[in-house]
Amino acid sequence: MRDNPRKQRHDSGPVPPLRALKLRPEAEREWAYGLRDKVTAEEARGEIREKLGISLGTDKAYSMFCQWMWRQTELKEQEAGLEDFESWYAARNPGASREKIREMGIQFFMAQSMKENDPKTFFDMSNLSLAENEGELKVRKEERQREEYKLKREKFEFDAAKACLVKLPELKAIARNQTLDENAKINAVRQKLFGVLPA
């Protein structure tokens, strides 16, 4: 028996039927989308309910699904066109980085969409560029933070080693002190090297 998508749960509760349909495997989404050319919206909803166990409450919900599917198809075509351009550009610019090739592809389609008075494609490409730039900035920020942490750690290790060398006779005396247990020796060393003990 097929699971009922309405009973699938996320953190926020049951999955709404329209979203449940969008989350189905591609072949099932394509089948549901293809019904628009064969039957009425009401009949399509009935077939979707029977085959997939998803009850779209209104014809409008099915219409919204079809609009969404049309948009996904359009985005796939844009992505395919972008990949074709990137292959063409890479063949003619073998030294170009992957980021540069991608950037040139997006710029090409933005320019083409302006020339063809196609604001939708222009904004799609603008949003794609923005999303990729934000992702790249996030990666760079994380790399910079890792590098800063590495440098701080190396500096700390160097300073600690230098302090140990300067205080070596005193540290040896602490290590030989039989009246101190292990924790007391560690705290005495920390105080000697760093001046104060943490709270």
C-alpha atoms as a PDB file:
ATOM      1  CA  MET A   1       0.000   0.000   0.000  1.00  0.00           C
ATOM      2  CA  ARG A   2       1.399   3.401  -1.004  1.00  0.00           C
ATOM      3  CA  ASP A   3       2.201   5.882   1.764  1.00  0.00           C
ATOM      4  CA  ASN A   4      -0.116   8.853   1.928  1.00  0.00           C
ATOM      5  CA  PRO A   5       2.003  11.997   1.359  1.00  0.00           C
ATOM      6  CA  ARG A   6      -0.413  13.983   3.526  1.00  0.00           C
ATOM      7  CA  LYS A   7       0.812  11.900   6.464  1.00  0.00           C
ATOM      8  CA  GLN A   8       4.495  12.544   5.719  1.00  0.00           C
ATOM      9  CA  ARG A   9       5.846  14.885   8.353  1.00  0.00           C
ATOM     10  CA  HIS A  10       8.517  17.511   8.415  1.00  0.00           C
ATOM     11  CA  ASP A  11       9.505  19.666  11.345  1.00  0.00           C
ATOM     12  CA  SER A  12       6.541  21.955  10.640  1.00  0.00           C
ATOM     13  CA  GLY A  13       3.877  19.228  10.338  1.00  0.00           C
ATOM     14  CA  PRO A  14       2.085  17.420   7.469  1.00  0.00           C
ATOM     15  CA  VAL A  15       3.209  18.117   3.908  1.00  0.00           C
ATOM     16  CA  PRO A  16       0.532  20.053   1.979  1.00  0.00           C
ATOM     17  CA  PRO A  17      -0.772  18.107  -1.061  1.00  0.00           C
ATOM     18  CA  LEU A  18       0.644  20.516  -3.663  1.00  0.00           C
ATOM     19  CA  ARG A  19       4.090  20.365  -2.071  1.00  0.00           C
ATOM     20  CA  ALA A  20       3.805  16.582  -1.752  1.00  0.00           C
ATOM     21  CA  LEU A  21       3.203  16.355  -5.498  1.00  0.00           C
ATOM     22  CA  LYS A  22       6.202  18.599  -6.224  1.00  0.00           C
ATOM     23  CA  LEU A  23       8.361  16.309  -4.086  1.00  0.00           C
ATOM     24  CA  ARG A  24       7.452  13.152  -6.028  1.00  0.00           C
ATOM     25  CA  PRO A  25      10.032  11.540  -8.368  1.00  0.00           C
ATOM     26  CA  GLU A  26      10.458  13.284 -11.707  1.00  0.00           C
ATOM     27  CA  ALA A  27       8.717  10.550 -13.712  1.00  0.00           C
ATOM     28  CA  GLU A  28       5.592  10.835 -11.541  1.00  0.00           C
ATOM     29  CA  ARG A  29       5.607  14.635 -11.771  1.00  0.00           C
ATOM     30  CA  GLU A  30       5.918  14.447 -15.556  1.00  0.00           C
ATOM     31  CA  TRP A  31       3.017  11.989 -15.703  1.00  0.00           C
ATOM     32  CA  ALA A  32       0.815  14.269 -13.568  1.00  0.00           C
ATOM     33  CA  TYR A  33       1.803  17.284 -15.681  1.00  0.00           C
ATOM     34  CA  GLY A  34       1.018  15.404 -18.898  1.00  0.00           C
ATOM     35  CA  LEU A  35      -2.583  14.869 -17.795  1.00  0.00           C
ATOM     36  CA  ARG A  36      -3.362  18.545 -18.584  1.00  0.00           C
ATOM     37  CA  ASP A  37      -3.456  17.735 -22.322  1.00  0.00           C
ATOM     38  CA  LYS A  38      -5.633  14.642 -21.939  1.00  0.00           C
ATOM     39  CA  VAL A  39      -8.315  15.295 -19.337  1.00  0.00           C
ATOM     40  CA  THR A  40      -9.976  18.089 -17.400  1.00  0.00           C
ATOM     41  CA  ALA A  41      -8.355  19.438 -14.231  1.00  0.00           C
ATOM     42  CA  GLU A  42     -10.961  17.660 -12.110  1.00  0.00           C
ATOM     43  CA  GLU A  43     -10.289  14.334 -13.850  1.00  0.00           C
ATOM     44  CA  ALA A  44      -6.526  14.920 -13.508  1.00  0.00           C
ATOM     45  CA  ARG A  45      -6.942  15.421  -9.767  1.00  0.00           C
ATOM     46  CA  GLY A  46      -8.898  12.157  -9.588  1.00  0.00           C
ATOM     47  CA  GLU A  47      -6.168  10.220 -11.436  1.00  0.00           C
ATOM     48  CA  ILE A  48      -3.451  11.756  -9.247  1.00  0.00           C
ATOM     49  CA  ARG A  49      -5.400  10.799  -6.133  1.00  0.00           C
ATOM     50  CA  GLU A  50      -5.899   7.244  -7.404  1.00  0.00           C
ATOM     51  CA  LYS A  51      -2.325   6.662  -8.609  1.00  0.00           C
ATOM     52  CA  LEU A  52      -0.248   8.707  -6.149  1.00  0.00           C
ATOM     53  CA  GLY A  53      -2.524   8.998  -3.130  1.00  0.00           C
ATOM     54  CA  ILE A  54      -2.350  12.808  -3.230  1.00  0.00           C
ATOM     55  CA  SER A  55      -5.617  14.739  -2.989  1.00  0.00           C
ATOM     56  CA  LEU A  56      -5.318  18.165  -4.597  1.00  0.00           C
ATOM     57  CA  GLY A  57      -8.346  19.915  -3.136  1.00  0.00           C
ATOM     58  CA  THR A  58      -9.179  22.208  -6.057  1.00  0.00           C
ATOM     59  CA  ASP A  59      -8.658  22.610  -9.803  1.00  0.00           C
ATOM     60  CA  LYS A  60      -6.644  25.714  -8.926  1.00  0.00           C
ATOM     61  CA  ALA A  61      -4.148  23.559  -7.013  1.00  0.00           C
ATOM     62  CA  TYR A  62      -3.617  21.406 -10.121  1.00  0.00           C
ATOM     63  CA  SER A  63      -3.273  24.546 -12.236  1.00  0.00           C
ATOM     64  CA  MET A  64      -0.637  25.869  -9.824  1.00  0.00           C
ATOM     65  CA  PHE A  65       1.223  22.568 -10.107  1.00  0.00           C
ATOM     66  CA  CYS A  66       1.169  22.807 -13.925  1.00  0.00           C
ATOM     67  CA  GLN A  67       2.487  26.372 -13.807  1.00  0.00           C
ATOM     68  CA  TRP A  68       5.263  25.241 -11.472  1.00  0.00           C
ATOM     69  CA  MET A  69       6.161  22.324 -13.773  1.00  0.00           C
ATOM     70  CA  TRP A  70       6.230  24.627 -16.794  1.00  0.00           C
ATOM     71  CA  ARG A  71       8.592  26.896 -14.883  1.00  0.00           C
ATOM     72  CA  GLN A  72      10.852  23.962 -13.950  1.00  0.00           C
ATOM     73  CA  THR A  73      10.999  22.918 -17.611  1.00  0.00           C
ATOM     74  CA  GLU A  74      11.906  26.459 -18.597  1.00  0.00           C
ATOM     75  CA  LEU A  75      14.640  26.627 -15.961  1.00  0.00           C
ATOM     76  CA  LYS A  76      16.041  23.280 -17.157  1.00  0.00           C
ATOM     77  CA  GLU A  77      16.190  24.612 -20.707  1.00  0.00           C
ATOM     78  CA  GLN A  78      17.989  27.731 -19.508  1.00  0.00           C
ATOM     79  CA  GLU A  79      20.451  25.618 -17.555  1.00  0.00           C
ATOM     80  CA  ALA A  80      21.023  23.376 -20.581  1.00  0.00           C
ATOM     81  CA  GLY A  81      21.636  26.450 -22.753  1.00  0.00           C
ATOM     82  CA  LEU A  82      24.035  27.788 -20.155  1.00  0.00           C
ATOM     83  CA  GLU A  83      25.933  24.481 -20.088  1.00  0.00           C
ATOM     84  CA  ASP A  84      26.168  24.492 -23.899  1.00  0.00           C
ATOM     85  CA  PHE A  85      27.584  28.010 -23.844  1.00  0.00           C
ATOM     86  CA  GLU A  86      30.054  27.039 -21.108  1.00  0.00           C
ATOM     87  CA  SER A  87      31.285  24.084 -23.189  1.00  0.00           C
ATOM     88  CA  TRP A  88      31.683  26.345 -26.214  1.00  0.00           C
ATOM     89  CA  TYR A  89      33.500  29.019 -24.187  1.00  0.00           C
ATOM     90  CA  ALA A  90      35.772  26.505 -22.444  1.00  0.00           C
ATOM     91  CA  ALA A  91      36.829  24.991 -25.793  1.00  0.00           C
ATOM     92  CA  ARG A  92      37.892  28.439 -27.021  1.00  0.00           C
ATOM     93  CA  ASN A  93      39.469  29.525 -23.712  1.00  0.00           C
ATOM     94  CA  PRO A  94      41.270  26.447 -22.358  1.00  0.00           C
ATOM     95  CA  GLY A  95      42.994  28.411 -19.589  1.00  0.00           C
ATOM     96  CA  ALA A  96      39.785  29.856 -18.132  1.00  0.00           C
ATOM     97  CA  SER A  97      38.759  28.789 -14.642  1.00  0.00           C
ATOM     98  CA  ARG A  98      35.440  27.060 -14.031  1.00  0.00           C
ATOM     99  CA  GLU A  99      34.207  30.170 -12.179  1.00  0.00           C
ATOM    100  CA  LYS A 100      35.176  32.449 -15.080  1.00  0.00           C
ATOM    101  CA  ILE A 101      33.426  30.188 -17.612  1.00  0.00           C
ATOM    102  CA  ARG A 102      30.258  30.151 -15.497  1.00  0.00           C
ATOM    103  CA  GLU A 103      30.376  33.926 -15.048  1.00  0.00           C
ATOM    104  CA  MET A 104      30.761  34.484 -18.808  1.00  0.00           C
ATOM    105  CA  GLY A 105      27.824  32.167 -19.517  1.00  0.00           C
ATOM    106  CA  ILE A 106      25.536  34.026 -17.128  1.00  0.00           C
ATOM    107  CA  GLN A 107      26.635  37.393 -18.524  1.00  0.00           C
ATOM    108  CA  PHE A 108      26.038  36.165 -22.079  1.00  0.00           C
ATOM    109  CA  PHE A 109      22.456  35.106 -21.345  1.00  0.00           C
ATOM    110  CA  MET A 110      21.754  38.282 -19.375  1.00  0.00           C
ATOM    111  CA  ALA A 111      22.927  40.354 -22.353  1.00  0.00           C
ATOM    112  CA  GLN A 112      20.943  38.193 -24.783  1.00  0.00           C
ATOM    113  CA  SER A 113      17.772  38.476 -22.679  1.00  0.00           C
ATOM    114  CA  MET A 114      18.116  42.281 -22.624  1.00  0.00           C
ATOM    115  CA  LYS A 115      18.575  42.308 -26.394  1.00  0.00           C
ATOM    116  CA  GLU A 116      15.466  40.142 -26.854  1.00  0.00           C
ATOM    117  CA  ASN A 117      13.469  42.175 -24.292  1.00  0.00           C
ATOM    118  CA  ASP A 118      13.051  39.084 -22.098  1.00  0.00           C
ATOM    119  CA  PRO A 119      13.011  40.385 -18.505  1.00  0.00           C
ATOM    120  CA  LYS A 120      12.087  36.991 -17.036  1.00  0.00           C
ATOM    121  CA  THR A 121      15.248  35.301 -18.319  1.00  0.00           C
ATOM    122  CA  PHE A 122      17.278  38.341 -17.308  1.00  0.00           C
ATOM    123  CA  PHE A 123      16.020  38.143 -13.716  1.00  0.00           C
ATOM    124  CA  ASP A 124      16.466  34.358 -13.641  1.00  0.00           C
ATOM    125  CA  MET A 125      20.100  34.777 -14.640  1.00  0.00           C
ATOM    126  CA  SER A 126      20.539  37.697 -12.229  1.00  0.00           C
ATOM    127  CA  ASN A 127      19.175  35.572  -9.382  1.00  0.00           C
ATOM    128  CA  LEU A 128      21.388  32.652 -10.396  1.00  0.00           C
ATOM    129  CA  SER A 129      24.425  34.935 -10.462  1.00  0.00           C
ATOM    130  CA  LEU A 130      23.519  36.387  -7.069  1.00  0.00           C
ATOM    131  CA  ALA A 131      22.997  32.941  -5.530  1.00  0.00           C
ATOM    132  CA  GLU A 132      26.301  31.644  -6.889  1.00  0.00           C
ATOM    133  CA  ASN A 133      28.160  34.771  -5.765  1.00  0.00           C
ATOM    134  CA  GLU A 134      26.688  34.449  -2.271  1.00  0.00           C
ATOM    135  CA  GLY A 135      27.717  30.787  -2.188  1.00  0.00           C
ATOM    136  CA  GLU A 136      31.225  31.680  -3.333  1.00  0.00           C
ATOM    137  CA  LEU A 137      31.477  34.455  -0.733  1.00  0.00           C
ATOM    138  CA  LYS A 138      30.391  32.030   1.984  1.00  0.00           C
ATOM    139  CA  VAL A 139      33.047  29.517   0.922  1.00  0.00           C
ATOM    140  CA  ARG A 140      35.709  32.241   0.861  1.00  0.00           C
ATOM    141  CA  LYS A 141      34.645  33.491   4.306  1.00  0.00           C
ATOM    142  CA  GLU A 142      34.889  29.963   5.731  1.00  0.00           C
ATOM    143  CA  GLU A 143      38.319  29.496   4.127  1.00  0.00           C
ATOM    144  CA  ARG A 144      39.470  32.843   5.568  1.00  0.00           C
ATOM    145  CA  GLN A 145      38.194  31.884   9.027  1.00  0.00           C
ATOM    146  CA  ARG A 146      40.032  28.538   8.838  1.00  0.00           C
ATOM    147  CA  GLU A 147      43.204  30.332   7.765  1.00  0.00           C
ATOM    148  CA  GLU A 148      42.866  32.892  10.577  1.00  0.00           C
ATOM    149  CA  TYR A 149      42.324  30.095  13.101  1.00  0.00           C
ATOM    150  CA  LYS A 150      45.385  28.276  11.783  1.00  0.00           C
ATOM    151  CA  LEU A 151      47.525  31.424  12.041  1.00  0.00           C
ATOM    152  CA  LYS A 152      46.267  32.158  15.579  1.00  0.00           C
ATOM    153  CA  ARG A 153      46.963  28.597  16.638  1.00  0.00           C
ATOM    154  CA  GLU A 154      50.469  28.679  15.135  1.00  0.00           C
ATOM    155  CA  LYS A 155      51.156  32.001  16.903  1.00  0.00           C
ATOM    156  CA  PHE A 156      49.864  30.624  20.198  1.00  0.00           C
ATOM    157  CA  GLU A 157      52.019  27.489  19.865  1.00  0.00           C
ATOM    158  CA  PHE A 158      55.080  29.600  19.011  1.00  0.00           C
ATOM    159  CA  ASP A 159      54.486  32.003  21.928  1.00  0.00           C
ATOM    160  CA  ALA A 160      53.870  29.102  24.311  1.00  0.00           C
ATOM    161  CA  ALA A 161      57.054  27.336  23.200  1.00  0.00           C
ATOM    162  CA  LYS A 162      59.020  30.589  23.538  1.00  0.00           C
ATOM    163  CA  ALA A 163      57.601  31.189  27.043  1.00  0.00           C
ATOM    164  CA  CYS A 164      58.459  27.602  28.026  1.00  0.00           C
ATOM    165  CA  LEU A 165      62.041  28.082  26.932  1.00  0.00           C
ATOM    166  CA  VAL A 166      62.403  31.320  28.928  1.00  0.00           C
ATOM    167  CA  LYS A 167      60.811  29.784  32.058  1.00  0.00           C
ATOM    168  CA  LEU A 168      62.385  26.341  31.676  1.00  0.00           C
ATOM    169  CA  PRO A 169      64.307  26.320  35.000  1.00  0.00           C
ATOM    170  CA  GLU A 170      61.173  27.367  36.926  1.00  0.00           C
ATOM    171  CA  LEU A 171      59.039  24.791  35.090  1.00  0.00           C
ATOM    172  CA  LYS A 172      61.520  22.059  35.967  1.00  0.00           C
ATOM    173  CA  ALA A 173      61.319  23.105  39.622  1.00  0.00           C
ATOM    174  CA  ILE A 174      57.513  22.850  39.520  1.00  0.00           C
ATOM    175  CA  ALA A 175      57.744  19.403  37.895  1.00  0.00           C
ATOM    176  CA  ARG A 176      60.099  18.179  40.664  1.00  0.00           C
ATOM    177  CA  ASN A 177      57.973  19.604  43.502  1.00  0.00           C
ATOM    178  CA  GLN A 178      56.713  16.531  45.373  1.00  0.00           C
ATOM    179  CA  THR A 179      54.209  18.534  47.430  1.00  0.00           C
ATOM    180  CA  LEU A 180      52.056  19.285  44.362  1.00  0.00           C
ATOM    181  CA  ASP A 181      49.672  16.827  42.730  1.00  0.00           C
ATOM    182  CA  GLU A 182      49.279  16.650  38.936  1.00  0.00           C
ATOM    183  CA  ASN A 183      46.499  19.275  38.702  1.00  0.00           C
ATOM    184  CA  ALA A 184      48.364  21.669  40.996  1.00  0.00           C
ATOM    185  CA  LYS A 185      51.497  21.310  38.855  1.00  0.00           C
ATOM    186  CA  ILE A 186      49.502  22.008  35.668  1.00  0.00           C
ATOM    187  CA  ASN A 187      47.941  25.119  37.216  1.00  0.00           C
ATOM    188  CA  ALA A 188      51.319  26.310  38.500  1.00  0.00           C
ATOM    189  CA  VAL A 189      52.788  25.918  35.009  1.00  0.00           C
ATOM    190  CA  ARG A 190      49.863  27.750  33.438  1.00  0.00           C
ATOM    191  CA  GLN A 191      50.212  30.578  35.939  1.00  0.00           C
ATOM    192  CA  LYS A 192      53.934  30.796  35.329  1.00  0.00           C
ATOM    193  CA  LEU A 193      53.514  30.877  31.539  1.00  0.00           C
ATOM    194  CA  PHE A 194      50.336  32.920  31.119  1.00  0.00           C
ATOM    195  CA  GLY A 195      50.254  35.062  34.277  1.00  0.00           C
ATOM    196  CA  VAL A 196      46.725  34.280  35.466  1.00  0.00           C
ATOM    197  CA  LEU A 197      44.618  31.199  35.712  1.00  0.00           C
ATOM    198  CA  PRO A 198      41.255  31.097  33.919  1.00  0.00           C
ATOM    199  CA  ALA A 199      38.172  31.199  36.123  1.00  0.00           C
END
